[in-house]
Amino acid sequence: TVAYTGVPGALVIVSADDPGMHSSQNEQDNRNFAKAAGVPMLEPSDSQEAYDLTREAFRLSHTHQIPVLLRMTTRTCH
């Protein structure tokens, strides 16, 4: 996978989860995907942190040549 082979630039994967089924018909929680793939995951708690952590995710990905998962939840996406 790309987590083991590396990326020549930056790769940030954004996941918009709905862990409490607040705005969808199914509960979505992708935290285990980051663990299974062996990639770091950043999880902002508000809109300012989402902005800051997005920049940090690109920096981490580019520096370490690995993908980074940015996990957003219903609270930060809406």
PDB file of N, CA and C in Angstrom:
ATOM      1  N   THR A   1       0.826  -1.189   0.000  1.00  0.00           N
ATOM      2  CA  THR A   1       0.000   0.000   0.000  1.00  0.00           C
ATOM      3  C   THR A   1       0.865   1.246   0.000  1.00  0.00           C
ATOM      4  N   VAL A   2       0.236   2.363  -0.211  1.00  0.00           N
ATOM      5  CA  VAL A   2       0.958   3.631  -0.259  1.00  0.00           C
ATOM      6  C   VAL A   2       1.577   3.980   1.096  1.00  0.00           C
ATOM      7  N   ALA A   3       1.028   3.445   2.176  1.00  0.00           N
ATOM      8  CA  ALA A   3       1.606   3.708   3.497  1.00  0.00           C
ATOM      9  C   ALA A   3       2.996   3.098   3.623  1.00  0.00           C
ATOM     10  N   TYR A   4       3.255   2.010   2.907  1.00  0.00           N
ATOM     11  CA  TYR A   4       4.554   1.339   2.992  1.00  0.00           C
ATOM     12  C   TYR A   4       5.511   1.771   1.891  1.00  0.00           C
ATOM     13  N   THR A   5       4.978   2.114   0.725  1.00  0.00           N
ATOM     14  CA  THR A   5       5.845   2.504  -0.387  1.00  0.00           C
ATOM     15  C   THR A   5       6.212   3.973  -0.340  1.00  0.00           C
ATOM     16  N   GLY A   6       5.398   4.789   0.330  1.00  0.00           N
ATOM     17  CA  GLY A   6       5.677   6.208   0.444  1.00  0.00           C
ATOM     18  C   GLY A   6       5.068   7.008  -0.688  1.00  0.00           C
ATOM     19  N   VAL A   7       5.025   8.308  -0.493  1.00  0.00           N
ATOM     20  CA  VAL A   7       4.502   9.220  -1.502  1.00  0.00           C
ATOM     21  C   VAL A   7       5.561  10.286  -1.773  1.00  0.00           C
ATOM     22  N   PRO A   8       5.777  10.645  -3.040  1.00  0.00           N
ATOM     23  CA  PRO A   8       6.821  11.619  -3.349  1.00  0.00           C
ATOM     24  C   PRO A   8       6.456  13.056  -2.960  1.00  0.00           C
ATOM     25  N   GLY A   9       5.184  13.336  -2.799  1.00  0.00           N
ATOM     26  CA  GLY A   9       4.737  14.678  -2.409  1.00  0.00           C
ATOM     27  C   GLY A   9       3.987  14.586  -1.099  1.00  0.00           C
ATOM     28  N   ALA A  10       2.829  15.173  -1.057  1.00  0.00           N
ATOM     29  CA  ALA A  10       1.980  15.101   0.129  1.00  0.00           C
ATOM     30  C   ALA A  10       0.650  14.464  -0.251  1.00  0.00           C
ATOM     31  N   LEU A  11       0.137  13.594   0.624  1.00  0.00           N
ATOM     32  CA  LEU A  11      -1.158  12.956   0.405  1.00  0.00           C
ATOM     33  C   LEU A  11      -1.950  13.024   1.704  1.00  0.00           C
ATOM     34  N   VAL A  12      -3.033  13.787   1.684  1.00  0.00           N
ATOM     35  CA  VAL A  12      -3.914  13.904   2.842  1.00  0.00           C
ATOM     36  C   VAL A  12      -5.271  13.349   2.452  1.00  0.00           C
ATOM     37  N   ILE A  13      -5.740  12.376   3.207  1.00  0.00           N
ATOM     38  CA  ILE A  13      -7.036  11.746   2.960  1.00  0.00           C
ATOM     39  C   ILE A  13      -8.013  12.314   3.984  1.00  0.00           C
ATOM     40  N   VAL A  14      -9.084  12.928   3.509  1.00  0.00           N
ATOM     41  CA  VAL A  14     -10.072  13.530   4.402  1.00  0.00           C
ATOM     42  C   VAL A  14     -11.263  12.593   4.514  1.00  0.00           C
ATOM     43  N   SER A  15     -11.618  12.273   5.748  1.00  0.00           N
ATOM     44  CA  SER A  15     -12.752  11.402   6.016  1.00  0.00           C
ATOM     45  C   SER A  15     -13.793  12.196   6.800  1.00  0.00           C
ATOM     46  N   ALA A  16     -15.004  12.288   6.268  1.00  0.00           N
ATOM     47  CA  ALA A  16     -16.087  12.992   6.955  1.00  0.00           C
ATOM     48  C   ALA A  16     -16.988  11.951   7.612  1.00  0.00           C
ATOM     49  N   ASP A  17     -16.763  11.719   8.890  1.00  0.00           N
ATOM     50  CA  ASP A  17     -17.487  10.684   9.629  1.00  0.00           C
ATOM     51  C   ASP A  17     -18.730  11.240  10.317  1.00  0.00           C
ATOM     52  N   ASP A  18     -19.658  10.345  10.603  1.00  0.00           N
ATOM     53  CA  ASP A  18     -20.864  10.671  11.356  1.00  0.00           C
ATOM     54  C   ASP A  18     -21.013   9.627  12.463  1.00  0.00           C
ATOM     55  N   PRO A  19     -20.190   9.730  13.528  1.00  0.00           N
ATOM     56  CA  PRO A  19     -20.168   8.674  14.539  1.00  0.00           C
ATOM     57  C   PRO A  19     -21.456   8.519  15.341  1.00  0.00           C
ATOM     58  N   GLY A  20     -22.249   9.558  15.466  1.00  0.00           N
ATOM     59  CA  GLY A  20     -23.468   9.454  16.255  1.00  0.00           C
ATOM     60  C   GLY A  20     -24.733   9.365  15.434  1.00  0.00           C
ATOM     61  N   MET A  21     -24.610   9.171  14.125  1.00  0.00           N
ATOM     62  CA  MET A  21     -25.751   9.098  13.218  1.00  0.00           C
ATOM     63  C   MET A  21     -26.623  10.359  13.319  1.00  0.00           C
ATOM     64  N   HIS A  22     -25.975  11.542  13.368  1.00  0.00           N
ATOM     65  CA  HIS A  22     -26.707  12.802  13.507  1.00  0.00           C
ATOM     66  C   HIS A  22     -27.272  13.304  12.187  1.00  0.00           C
ATOM     67  N   SER A  23     -26.564  13.067  11.080  1.00  0.00           N
ATOM     68  CA  SER A  23     -27.040  13.622   9.809  1.00  0.00           C
ATOM     69  C   SER A  23     -27.104  12.586   8.695  1.00  0.00           C
ATOM     70  N   SER A  24     -27.031  11.325   9.047  1.00  0.00           N
ATOM     71  CA  SER A  24     -27.127  10.278   8.028  1.00  0.00           C
ATOM     72  C   SER A  24     -27.892   9.085   8.590  1.00  0.00           C
ATOM     73  N   GLN A  25     -28.110   8.101   7.738  1.00  0.00           N
ATOM     74  CA  GLN A  25     -28.867   6.926   8.164  1.00  0.00           C
ATOM     75  C   GLN A  25     -27.976   5.800   8.667  1.00  0.00           C
ATOM     76  N   ASN A  26     -26.669   5.996   8.582  1.00  0.00           N
ATOM     77  CA  ASN A  26     -25.769   4.978   9.117  1.00  0.00           C
ATOM     78  C   ASN A  26     -24.643   5.651   9.892  1.00  0.00           C
ATOM     79  N   GLU A  27     -24.170   4.965  10.891  1.00  0.00           N
ATOM     80  CA  GLU A  27     -23.086   5.475  11.718  1.00  0.00           C
ATOM     81  C   GLU A  27     -21.755   5.210  11.019  1.00  0.00           C
ATOM     82  N   GLN A  28     -20.906   6.212  10.930  1.00  0.00           N
ATOM     83  CA  GLN A  28     -19.633   6.068  10.226  1.00  0.00           C
ATOM     84  C   GLN A  28     -18.493   6.491  11.143  1.00  0.00           C
ATOM     85  N   ASP A  29     -17.535   5.592  11.349  1.00  0.00           N
ATOM     86  CA  ASP A  29     -16.371   5.874  12.185  1.00  0.00           C
ATOM     87  C   ASP A  29     -15.160   5.194  11.551  1.00  0.00           C
ATOM     88  N   ASN A  30     -14.278   5.972  10.947  1.00  0.00           N
ATOM     89  CA  ASN A  30     -13.154   5.420  10.191  1.00  0.00           C
ATOM     90  C   ASN A  30     -11.829   5.423  10.942  1.00  0.00           C
ATOM     91  N   ARG A  31     -11.862   5.567  12.258  1.00  0.00           N
ATOM     92  CA  ARG A  31     -10.605   5.588  13.019  1.00  0.00           C
ATOM     93  C   ARG A  31      -9.808   4.305  12.863  1.00  0.00           C
ATOM     94  N   ASN A  32     -10.488   3.188  12.753  1.00  0.00           N
ATOM     95  CA  ASN A  32      -9.777   1.910  12.635  1.00  0.00           C
ATOM     96  C   ASN A  32      -9.045   1.761  11.306  1.00  0.00           C
ATOM     97  N   PHE A  33      -9.491   2.477  10.272  1.00  0.00           N
ATOM     98  CA  PHE A  33      -8.790   2.412   8.983  1.00  0.00           C
ATOM     99  C   PHE A  33      -7.378   2.971   9.099  1.00  0.00           C
ATOM    100  N   ALA A  34      -7.219   4.056   9.826  1.00  0.00           N
ATOM    101  CA  ALA A  34      -5.885   4.641  10.015  1.00  0.00           C
ATOM    102  C   ALA A  34      -4.987   3.678  10.779  1.00  0.00           C
ATOM    103  N   LYS A  35      -5.538   3.066  11.798  1.00  0.00           N
ATOM    104  CA  LYS A  35      -4.763   2.106  12.589  1.00  0.00           C
ATOM    105  C   LYS A  35      -4.369   0.899  11.742  1.00  0.00           C
ATOM    106  N   ALA A  36      -5.310   0.371  10.978  1.00  0.00           N
ATOM    107  CA  ALA A  36      -5.036  -0.804  10.145  1.00  0.00           C
ATOM    108  C   ALA A  36      -4.030  -0.484   9.038  1.00  0.00           C
ATOM    109  N   ALA A  37      -4.092   0.725   8.492  1.00  0.00           N
ATOM    110  CA  ALA A  37      -3.184   1.115   7.414  1.00  0.00           C
ATOM    111  C   ALA A  37      -1.827   1.563   7.935  1.00  0.00           C
ATOM    112  N   GLY A  38      -1.735   1.824   9.228  1.00  0.00           N
ATOM    113  CA  GLY A  38      -0.474   2.273   9.801  1.00  0.00           C
ATOM    114  C   GLY A  38      -0.119   3.699   9.422  1.00  0.00           C
ATOM    115  N   VAL A  39      -1.141   4.548   9.301  1.00  0.00           N
ATOM    116  CA  VAL A  39      -0.897   5.952   8.956  1.00  0.00           C
ATOM    117  C   VAL A  39      -1.373   6.840  10.107  1.00  0.00           C
ATOM    118  N   PRO A  40      -0.756   8.006  10.267  1.00  0.00           N
ATOM    119  CA  PRO A  40      -1.207   8.914  11.321  1.00  0.00           C
ATOM    120  C   PRO A  40      -2.573   9.503  10.998  1.00  0.00           C
ATOM    121  N   MET A  41      -3.324   9.796  12.059  1.00  0.00           N
ATOM    122  CA  MET A  41      -4.642  10.385  11.899  1.00  0.00           C
ATOM    123  C   MET A  41      -4.730  11.632  12.762  1.00  0.00           C
ATOM    124  N   LEU A  42      -5.218  12.703  12.189  1.00  0.00           N
ATOM    125  CA  LEU A  42      -5.451  13.938  12.926  1.00  0.00           C
ATOM    126  C   LEU A  42      -6.951  14.165  12.986  1.00  0.00           C
ATOM    127  N   GLU A  43      -7.434  14.621  14.153  1.00  0.00           N
ATOM    128  CA  GLU A  43      -8.878  14.773  14.353  1.00  0.00           C
ATOM    129  C   GLU A  43      -9.181  16.131  14.985  1.00  0.00           C
ATOM    130  N   PRO A  44      -9.527  17.124  14.171  1.00  0.00           N
ATOM    131  CA  PRO A  44      -9.825  18.453  14.717  1.00  0.00           C
ATOM    132  C   PRO A  44     -11.141  18.467  15.485  1.00  0.00           C
ATOM    133  N   SER A  45     -11.226  19.386  16.456  1.00  0.00           N
ATOM    134  CA  SER A  45     -12.441  19.477  17.263  1.00  0.00           C
ATOM    135  C   SER A  45     -13.278  20.715  16.949  1.00  0.00           C
ATOM    136  N   ASP A  46     -12.727  21.659  16.183  1.00  0.00           N
ATOM    137  CA  ASP A  46     -13.496  22.834  15.768  1.00  0.00           C
ATOM    138  C   ASP A  46     -12.950  23.339  14.432  1.00  0.00           C
ATOM    139  N   SER A  47     -13.573  24.376  13.893  1.00  0.00           N
ATOM    140  CA  SER A  47     -13.197  24.839  12.556  1.00  0.00           C
ATOM    141  C   SER A  47     -11.783  25.415  12.504  1.00  0.00           C
ATOM    142  N   GLN A  48     -11.353  26.121  13.539  1.00  0.00           N
ATOM    143  CA  GLN A  48      -9.991  26.664  13.541  1.00  0.00           C
ATOM    144  C   GLN A  48      -8.965  25.542  13.594  1.00  0.00           C
ATOM    145  N   GLU A  49      -9.235  24.551  14.419  1.00  0.00           N
ATOM    146  CA  GLU A  49      -8.333  23.403  14.503  1.00  0.00           C
ATOM    147  C   GLU A  49      -8.330  22.617  13.192  1.00  0.00           C
ATOM    148  N   ALA A  50      -9.461  22.568  12.504  1.00  0.00           N
ATOM    149  CA  ALA A  50      -9.519  21.897  11.201  1.00  0.00           C
ATOM    150  C   ALA A  50      -8.587  22.589  10.217  1.00  0.00           C
ATOM    151  N   TYR A  51      -8.597  23.902  10.219  1.00  0.00           N
ATOM    152  CA  TYR A  51      -7.701  24.670   9.347  1.00  0.00           C
ATOM    153  C   TYR A  51      -6.236  24.399   9.713  1.00  0.00           C
ATOM    154  N   ASP A  52      -5.925  24.502  10.990  1.00  0.00           N
ATOM    155  CA  ASP A  52      -4.544  24.308  11.448  1.00  0.00           C
ATOM    156  C   ASP A  52      -4.049  22.888  11.195  1.00  0.00           C
ATOM    157  N   LEU A  53      -4.888  21.900  11.490  1.00  0.00           N
ATOM    158  CA  LEU A  53      -4.467  20.508  11.330  1.00  0.00           C
ATOM    159  C   LEU A  53      -4.392  20.091   9.865  1.00  0.00           C
ATOM    160  N   THR A  54      -5.151  20.744   8.994  1.00  0.00           N
ATOM    161  CA  THR A  54      -5.025  20.458   7.563  1.00  0.00           C
ATOM    162  C   THR A  54      -3.641  20.862   7.078  1.00  0.00           C
ATOM    163  N   ARG A  55      -3.203  22.038   7.485  1.00  0.00           N
ATOM    164  CA  ARG A  55      -1.851  22.484   7.132  1.00  0.00           C
ATOM    165  C   ARG A  55      -0.799  21.544   7.730  1.00  0.00           C
ATOM    166  N   GLU A  56      -1.003  21.139   8.969  1.00  0.00           N
ATOM    167  CA  GLU A  56      -0.065  20.223   9.628  1.00  0.00           C
ATOM    168  C   GLU A  56      -0.052  18.859   8.948  1.00  0.00           C
ATOM    169  N   ALA A  57      -1.207  18.392   8.502  1.00  0.00           N
ATOM    170  CA  ALA A  57      -1.286  17.100   7.813  1.00  0.00           C
ATOM    171  C   ALA A  57      -0.461  17.117   6.533  1.00  0.00           C
ATOM    172  N   PHE A  58      -0.563  18.199   5.764  1.00  0.00           N
ATOM    173  CA  PHE A  58       0.242  18.308   4.548  1.00  0.00           C
ATOM    174  C   PHE A  58       1.730  18.374   4.873  1.00  0.00           C
ATOM    175  N   ARG A  59       2.081  19.084   5.936  1.00  0.00           N
ATOM    176  CA  ARG A  59       3.484  19.178   6.331  1.00  0.00           C
ATOM    177  C   ARG A  59       4.028  17.814   6.750  1.00  0.00           C
ATOM    178  N   LEU A  60       3.262  17.101   7.584  1.00  0.00           N
ATOM    179  CA  LEU A  60       3.683  15.765   8.030  1.00  0.00           C
ATOM    180  C   LEU A  60       3.828  14.809   6.858  1.00  0.00           C
ATOM    181  N   SER A  61       2.850  14.829   5.967  1.00  0.00           N
ATOM    182  CA  SER A  61       2.875  13.925   4.824  1.00  0.00           C
ATOM    183  C   SER A  61       4.077  14.200   3.931  1.00  0.00           C
ATOM    184  N   HIS A  62       4.335  15.451   3.672  1.00  0.00           N
ATOM    185  CA  HIS A  62       5.456  15.809   2.800  1.00  0.00           C
ATOM    186  C   HIS A  62       6.796  15.490   3.462  1.00  0.00           C
ATOM    187  N   THR A  63       6.927  15.792   4.737  1.00  0.00           N
ATOM    188  CA  THR A  63       8.187  15.561   5.456  1.00  0.00           C
ATOM    189  C   THR A  63       8.516  14.081   5.576  1.00  0.00           C
ATOM    190  N   HIS A  64       7.513  13.272   5.931  1.00  0.00           N
ATOM    191  CA  HIS A  64       7.744  11.846   6.193  1.00  0.00           C
ATOM    192  C   HIS A  64       7.390  10.950   5.010  1.00  0.00           C
ATOM    193  N   GLN A  65       6.877  11.543   3.933  1.00  0.00           N
ATOM    194  CA  GLN A  65       6.508  10.830   2.706  1.00  0.00           C
ATOM    195  C   GLN A  65       5.530   9.683   2.968  1.00  0.00           C
ATOM    196  N   ILE A  66       4.520   9.978   3.781  1.00  0.00           N
ATOM    197  CA  ILE A  66       3.468   9.011   4.087  1.00  0.00           C
ATOM    198  C   ILE A  66       2.112   9.711   3.977  1.00  0.00           C
ATOM    199  N   PRO A  67       1.046   8.957   3.720  1.00  0.00           N
ATOM    200  CA  PRO A  67      -0.283   9.572   3.730  1.00  0.00           C
ATOM    201  C   PRO A  67      -0.707   9.891   5.165  1.00  0.00           C
ATOM    202  N   VAL A  68      -1.551  10.886   5.316  1.00  0.00           N
ATOM    203  CA  VAL A  68      -2.091  11.270   6.617  1.00  0.00           C
ATOM    204  C   VAL A  68      -3.605  11.324   6.486  1.00  0.00           C
ATOM    205  N   LEU A  69      -4.310  10.724   7.449  1.00  0.00           N
ATOM    206  CA  LEU A  69      -5.772  10.747   7.463  1.00  0.00           C
ATOM    207  C   LEU A  69      -6.235  11.916   8.322  1.00  0.00           C
ATOM    208  N   LEU A  70      -7.062  12.769   7.759  1.00  0.00           N
ATOM    209  CA  LEU A  70      -7.663  13.877   8.488  1.00  0.00           C
ATOM    210  C   LEU A  70      -9.122  13.508   8.714  1.00  0.00           C
ATOM    211  N   ARG A  71      -9.463  13.188   9.943  1.00  0.00           N
ATOM    212  CA  ARG A  71     -10.813  12.705  10.261  1.00  0.00           C
ATOM    213  C   ARG A  71     -11.673  13.848  10.785  1.00  0.00           C
ATOM    214  N   MET A  72     -12.669  14.198  10.004  1.00  0.00           N
ATOM    215  CA  MET A  72     -13.633  15.220  10.403  1.00  0.00           C
ATOM    216  C   MET A  72     -14.896  14.515  10.890  1.00  0.00           C
ATOM    217  N   THR A  73     -15.583  15.129  11.816  1.00  0.00           N
ATOM    218  CA  THR A  73     -16.847  14.570  12.284  1.00  0.00           C
ATOM    219  C   THR A  73     -17.977  15.548  11.966  1.00  0.00           C
ATOM    220  N   THR A  74     -19.171  15.150  12.280  1.00  0.00           N
ATOM    221  CA  THR A  74     -20.343  15.970  12.001  1.00  0.00           C
ATOM    222  C   THR A  74     -20.201  17.352  12.614  1.00  0.00           C
ATOM    223  N   ARG A  75     -19.663  17.425  13.809  1.00  0.00           N
ATOM    224  CA  ARG A  75     -19.530  18.703  14.510  1.00  0.00           C
ATOM    225  C   ARG A  75     -18.608  19.674  13.769  1.00  0.00           C
ATOM    226  N   THR A  76     -17.541  19.188  13.182  1.00  0.00           N
ATOM    227  CA  THR A  76     -16.607  20.078  12.489  1.00  0.00           C
ATOM    228  C   THR A  76     -16.973  20.300  11.024  1.00  0.00           C
ATOM    229  N   CYS A  77     -17.781  19.443  10.442  1.00  0.00           N
ATOM    230  CA  CYS A  77     -18.132  19.569   9.020  1.00  0.00           C
ATOM    231  C   CYS A  77     -19.380  20.404   8.781  1.00  0.00           C
ATOM    232  N   HIS A  78     -20.223  20.562   9.769  1.00  0.00           N
ATOM    233  CA  HIS A  78     -21.496  21.269   9.550  1.00  0.00           C
ATOM    234  C   HIS A  78     -21.602  22.490  10.425  1.00  0.00           C
TER     235      HIS A  78
END
